PDB file of N, CA and C in Angstrom:
ATOM      1  N   UNK A   1    -101.409 120.040  31.034  1.00  0.00           N
ATOM      2  CA  UNK A   1    -100.608 119.364  30.596  1.00  0.00           C
ATOM      3  C   UNK A   1     -98.950 119.403  29.941  1.00  0.00           C
ATOM      4  N   UNK A   2     -98.890 120.473  30.104  1.00  0.00           N
ATOM      5  CA  UNK A   2     -97.695 121.151  28.942  1.00  0.00           C
ATOM      6  C   UNK A   2     -95.969 120.954  29.469  1.00  0.00           C
ATOM      7  N   UNK A   3     -96.722 120.200  31.024  1.00  0.00           N
ATOM      8  CA  UNK A   3     -95.169 120.529  31.832  1.00  0.00           C
ATOM      9  C   UNK A   3     -94.677 119.052  31.766  1.00  0.00           C
ATOM     10  N   UNK A   4     -95.809 118.262  31.212  1.00  0.00           N
ATOM     11  CA  UNK A   4     -95.231 116.500  31.188  1.00  0.00           C
ATOM     12  C   UNK A   4     -94.393 116.019  31.334  1.00  0.00           C
ATOM     13  N   UNK A   5     -93.432 115.472  31.556  1.00  0.00           N
ATOM     14  CA  UNK A   5     -92.456 114.576  31.595  1.00  0.00           C
ATOM     15  C   UNK A   5     -92.749 113.022  31.357  1.00  0.00           C
ATOM     16  N   UNK A   6     -92.155 112.057  30.694  1.00  0.00           N
ATOM     17  CA  UNK A   6     -92.552 110.866  30.852  1.00  0.00           C
ATOM     18  C   UNK A   6     -92.056 109.588  29.543  1.00  0.00           C
ATOM     19  N   UNK A   7     -91.779 108.731  29.840  1.00  0.00           N
ATOM     20  CA  UNK A   7     -91.232 107.917  28.806  1.00  0.00           C
ATOM     21  C   UNK A   7     -92.247 106.364  29.040  1.00  0.00           C
ATOM     22  N   UNK A   8     -92.460 106.203  27.656  1.00  0.00           N
ATOM     23  CA  UNK A   8     -93.130 104.915  27.275  1.00  0.00           C
ATOM     24  C   UNK A   8     -92.980 104.014  26.773  1.00  0.00           C
ATOM     25  N   UNK A   9     -92.961 102.633  27.668  1.00  0.00           N
ATOM     26  CA  UNK A   9     -92.138 101.540  26.446  1.00  0.00           C
ATOM     27  C   UNK A   9     -93.444 100.645  25.888  1.00  0.00           C
ATOM     28  N   UNK A  10     -93.182 100.132  24.607  1.00  0.00           N
ATOM     29  CA  UNK A  10     -94.396  99.532  24.464  1.00  0.00           C
ATOM     30  C   UNK A  10     -93.170  98.069  23.687  1.00  0.00           C
ATOM     31  N   UNK A  11     -94.184  97.263  24.019  1.00  0.00           N
ATOM     32  CA  UNK A  11     -93.109  95.544  23.731  1.00  0.00           C
ATOM     33  C   UNK A  11     -94.251  94.840  22.734  1.00  0.00           C
ATOM     34  N   UNK A  12     -93.675  94.227  21.659  1.00  0.00           N
ATOM     35  CA  UNK A  12     -94.506  93.552  20.978  1.00  0.00           C
ATOM     36  C   UNK A  12     -93.921  92.006  20.873  1.00  0.00           C
ATOM     37  N   UNK A  13     -94.733  90.866  20.706  1.00  0.00           N
ATOM     38  CA  UNK A  13     -94.520  89.593  20.746  1.00  0.00           C
ATOM     39  C   UNK A  13     -94.776  88.669  19.737  1.00  0.00           C
ATOM     40  N   UNK A  14     -94.022  87.562  19.374  1.00  0.00           N
ATOM     41  CA  UNK A  14     -93.936  87.191  17.915  1.00  0.00           C
ATOM     42  C   UNK A  14     -95.272  86.447  18.466  1.00  0.00           C
ATOM     43  N   UNK A  15     -95.994  85.724  19.212  1.00  0.00           N
ATOM     44  CA  UNK A  15     -97.009  85.184  19.256  1.00  0.00           C
ATOM     45  C   UNK A  15     -97.357  85.334  21.057  1.00  0.00           C
ATOM     46  N   UNK A  16     -98.480  84.032  21.366  1.00  0.00           N
ATOM     47  CA  UNK A  16     -99.106  84.242  22.629  1.00  0.00           C
ATOM     48  C   UNK A  16     -98.279  84.418  23.784  1.00  0.00           C
ATOM     49  N   UNK A  17     -97.053  84.181  23.917  1.00  0.00           N
ATOM     50  CA  UNK A  17     -95.969  83.671  24.539  1.00  0.00           C
ATOM     51  C   UNK A  17     -95.455  84.945  25.043  1.00  0.00           C
ATOM     52  N   UNK A  18     -95.582  85.372  26.432  1.00  0.00           N
ATOM     53  CA  UNK A  18     -95.124  86.697  26.593  1.00  0.00           C
ATOM     54  C   UNK A  18     -93.380  86.767  26.929  1.00  0.00           C
ATOM     55  N   UNK A  19     -92.847  85.525  26.422  1.00  0.00           N
ATOM     56  CA  UNK A  19     -91.274  85.707  26.362  1.00  0.00           C
ATOM     57  C   UNK A  19     -91.186  85.608  24.737  1.00  0.00           C
ATOM     58  N   UNK A  20     -91.442  85.879  23.951  1.00  0.00           N
ATOM     59  CA  UNK A  20     -90.916  85.790  22.502  1.00  0.00           C
ATOM     60  C   UNK A  20     -91.093  87.522  22.345  1.00  0.00           C
ATOM     61  N   UNK A  21     -90.391  88.181  22.230  1.00  0.00           N
ATOM     62  CA  UNK A  21     -90.608  89.526  22.353  1.00  0.00           C
ATOM     63  C   UNK A  21     -89.592  89.752  21.254  1.00  0.00           C
ATOM     64  N   UNK A  22     -90.361  90.335  20.136  1.00  0.00           N
ATOM     65  CA  UNK A  22     -89.760  90.595  18.615  1.00  0.00           C
ATOM     66  C   UNK A  22     -89.493  92.162  18.644  1.00  0.00           C
ATOM     67  N   UNK A  23     -90.265  92.916  19.523  1.00  0.00           N
ATOM     68  CA  UNK A  23     -89.771  94.390  19.033  1.00  0.00           C
ATOM     69  C   UNK A  23     -89.981  95.134  20.294  1.00  0.00           C
ATOM     70  N   UNK A  24     -89.294  96.099  20.564  1.00  0.00           N
ATOM     71  CA  UNK A  24     -89.457  97.188  21.851  1.00  0.00           C
ATOM     72  C   UNK A  24     -89.334  98.830  21.059  1.00  0.00           C
ATOM     73  N   UNK A  25     -90.199  99.665  21.808  1.00  0.00           N
ATOM     74  CA  UNK A  25     -90.299 100.499  21.176  1.00  0.00           C
ATOM     75  C   UNK A  25     -90.625 101.461  22.541  1.00  0.00           C
ATOM     76  N   UNK A  26     -90.168 102.271  22.201  1.00  0.00           N
ATOM     77  CA  UNK A  26     -89.972 103.925  23.425  1.00  0.00           C
ATOM     78  C   UNK A  26     -90.230 105.388  22.983  1.00  0.00           C
ATOM     79  N   UNK A  27     -90.709 105.408  23.480  1.00  0.00           N
ATOM     80  CA  UNK A  27     -91.303 107.451  23.126  1.00  0.00           C
ATOM     81  C   UNK A  27     -90.828 108.599  24.338  1.00  0.00           C
ATOM     82  N   UNK A  28     -89.985 109.450  24.025  1.00  0.00           N
ATOM     83  CA  UNK A  28     -89.888 110.279  25.542  1.00  0.00           C
ATOM     84  C   UNK A  28     -90.870 111.586  25.038  1.00  0.00           C
ATOM     85  N   UNK A  29     -91.408 111.744  26.235  1.00  0.00           N
ATOM     86  CA  UNK A  29     -91.951 113.543  26.230  1.00  0.00           C
ATOM     87  C   UNK A  29     -91.889 113.895  27.000  1.00  0.00           C
ATOM     88  N   UNK A  30     -91.620 115.334  26.668  1.00  0.00           N
ATOM     89  CA  UNK A  30     -91.313 116.303  27.754  1.00  0.00           C
ATOM     90  C   UNK A  30     -91.703 117.388  27.641  1.00  0.00           C
ATOM     91  N   UNK A  31     -92.942 118.296  28.213  1.00  0.00           N
ATOM     92  CA  UNK A  31     -93.141 119.123  28.351  1.00  0.00           C
ATOM     93  C   UNK A  31     -94.705 118.895  27.435  1.00  0.00           C
ATOM     94  N   UNK A  32     -94.826 117.684  27.486  1.00  0.00           N
ATOM     95  CA  UNK A  32     -96.380 117.514  26.568  1.00  0.00           C
ATOM     96  C   UNK A  32     -95.571 117.192  24.913  1.00  0.00           C
ATOM     97  N   UNK A  33     -94.604 117.162  24.584  1.00  0.00           N
ATOM     98  CA  UNK A  33     -94.215 117.535  23.438  1.00  0.00           C
ATOM     99  C   UNK A  33     -93.175 115.711  23.014  1.00  0.00           C
ATOM    100  N   UNK A  34     -93.711 114.963  22.443  1.00  0.00           N
ATOM    101  CA  UNK A  34     -92.073 114.173  21.870  1.00  0.00           C
ATOM    102  C   UNK A  34     -91.309 114.662  21.341  1.00  0.00           C
ATOM    103  N   UNK A  35     -89.889 114.265  22.495  1.00  0.00           N
ATOM    104  CA  UNK A  35     -88.919 114.185  22.050  1.00  0.00           C
ATOM    105  C   UNK A  35     -87.765 113.178  21.534  1.00  0.00           C
ATOM    106  N   UNK A  36     -88.430 112.310  21.384  1.00  0.00           N
ATOM    107  CA  UNK A  36     -87.205 110.973  21.155  1.00  0.00           C
ATOM    108  C   UNK A  36     -88.277 109.827  21.283  1.00  0.00           C
ATOM    109  N   UNK A  37     -87.602 108.896  19.967  1.00  0.00           N
ATOM    110  CA  UNK A  37     -88.239 107.629  20.304  1.00  0.00           C
ATOM    111  C   UNK A  37     -86.872 106.774  19.444  1.00  0.00           C
ATOM    112  N   UNK A  38     -87.367 105.257  19.556  1.00  0.00           N
ATOM    113  CA  UNK A  38     -86.556 104.439  19.205  1.00  0.00           C
ATOM    114  C   UNK A  38     -87.496 102.901  19.122  1.00  0.00           C
ATOM    115  N   UNK A  39     -87.044 102.453  18.310  1.00  0.00           N
ATOM    116  CA  UNK A  39     -87.761 101.346  17.938  1.00  0.00           C
ATOM    117  C   UNK A  39     -86.617 100.350  17.529  1.00  0.00           C
ATOM    118  N   UNK A  40     -86.402  98.869  18.294  1.00  0.00           N
ATOM    119  CA  UNK A  40     -85.961  98.105  18.025  1.00  0.00           C
ATOM    120  C   UNK A  40     -86.426  96.646  18.127  1.00  0.00           C
ATOM    121  N   UNK A  41     -85.762  95.995  16.580  1.00  0.00           N
ATOM    122  CA  UNK A  41     -86.316  94.955  16.363  1.00  0.00           C
ATOM    123  C   UNK A  41     -85.360  93.663  17.149  1.00  0.00           C
ATOM    124  N   UNK A  42     -86.051  92.913  17.711  1.00  0.00           N
ATOM    125  CA  UNK A  42     -85.461  91.220  18.318  1.00  0.00           C
ATOM    126  C   UNK A  42     -85.739  90.195  17.711  1.00  0.00           C
ATOM    127  N   UNK A  43     -84.758  89.346  17.812  1.00  0.00           N
ATOM    128  CA  UNK A  43     -85.146  87.818  17.638  1.00  0.00           C
ATOM    129  C   UNK A  43     -85.837  86.955  18.653  1.00  0.00           C
ATOM    130  N   UNK A  44     -87.079  86.887  18.341  1.00  0.00           N
ATOM    131  CA  UNK A  44     -87.680  85.924  19.345  1.00  0.00           C
ATOM    132  C   UNK A  44     -87.020  84.815  19.657  1.00  0.00           C
ATOM    133  N   UNK A  45     -86.583  84.023  18.964  1.00  0.00           N
ATOM    134  CA  UNK A  45     -85.949  82.739  18.631  1.00  0.00           C
ATOM    135  C   UNK A  45     -87.540  81.940  18.924  1.00  0.00           C
ATOM    136  N   UNK A  46     -88.988  82.305  18.366  1.00  0.00           N
ATOM    137  CA  UNK A  46     -89.612  81.597  18.394  1.00  0.00           C
ATOM    138  C   UNK A  46     -90.413  81.811  16.958  1.00  0.00           C
ATOM    139  N   UNK A  47     -91.611  80.830  16.694  1.00  0.00           N
ATOM    140  CA  UNK A  47     -92.590  81.193  15.533  1.00  0.00           C
ATOM    141  C   UNK A  47     -93.327  82.028  15.607  1.00  0.00           C
ATOM    142  N   UNK A  48     -93.689  82.717  14.218  1.00  0.00           N
ATOM    143  CA  UNK A  48     -94.307  84.331  14.626  1.00  0.00           C
ATOM    144  C   UNK A  48     -95.704  83.757  14.260  1.00  0.00           C
ATOM    145  N   UNK A  49     -96.700  83.995  14.847  1.00  0.00           N
ATOM    146  CA  UNK A  49     -98.410  83.427  14.478  1.00  0.00           C
ATOM    147  C   UNK A  49     -98.827  85.207  13.606  1.00  0.00           C
ATOM    148  N   UNK A  50     -99.017  84.551  12.709  1.00  0.00           N
ATOM    149  CA  UNK A  50     -98.727  85.861  11.076  1.00  0.00           C
ATOM    150  C   UNK A  50    -100.374  86.330  11.286  1.00  0.00           C
ATOM    151  N   UNK A  51    -100.875  85.568  11.940  1.00  0.00           N
ATOM    152  CA  UNK A  51    -102.647  86.478  12.289  1.00  0.00           C
ATOM    153  C   UNK A  51    -102.301  87.517  13.076  1.00  0.00           C
ATOM    154  N   UNK A  52    -101.400  87.548  13.793  1.00  0.00           N
ATOM    155  CA  UNK A  52    -100.609  89.178  15.160  1.00  0.00           C
ATOM    156  C   UNK A  52    -100.233  89.791  13.818  1.00  0.00           C
ATOM    157  N   UNK A  53     -99.566  89.592  12.506  1.00  0.00           N
ATOM    158  CA  UNK A  53     -98.846  90.684  12.031  1.00  0.00           C
ATOM    159  C   UNK A  53     -99.728  91.468  11.054  1.00  0.00           C
ATOM    160  N   UNK A  54     -99.282  92.458  11.066  1.00  0.00           N
ATOM    161  CA  UNK A  54     -99.658  93.546   9.739  1.00  0.00           C
ATOM    162  C   UNK A  54     -99.184  94.651   9.358  1.00  0.00           C
ATOM    163  N   UNK A  55     -99.158  94.582   8.018  1.00  0.00           N
ATOM    164  CA  UNK A  55     -98.274  95.768   6.924  1.00  0.00           C
ATOM    165  C   UNK A  55     -98.584  96.961   6.888  1.00  0.00           C
ATOM    166  N   UNK A  56     -98.021  97.677   7.451  1.00  0.00           N
ATOM    167  CA  UNK A  56     -98.262  98.727   7.175  1.00  0.00           C
ATOM    168  C   UNK A  56     -97.475  99.908   6.209  1.00  0.00           C
TER     169      UNK A  56
END
């Protein structure tokens, strides 16, 4: 598994509507190791369902 190379994309939504994207995360794996990551906040122009939010 040490030679794996791939990119994952995670899309978060503000509520149950799939078009309410509020954050996109991308992680790149090369040779089985994390080589880069990026997170971008997006204004969903929709109301947030606070039940889906958590503090980190």
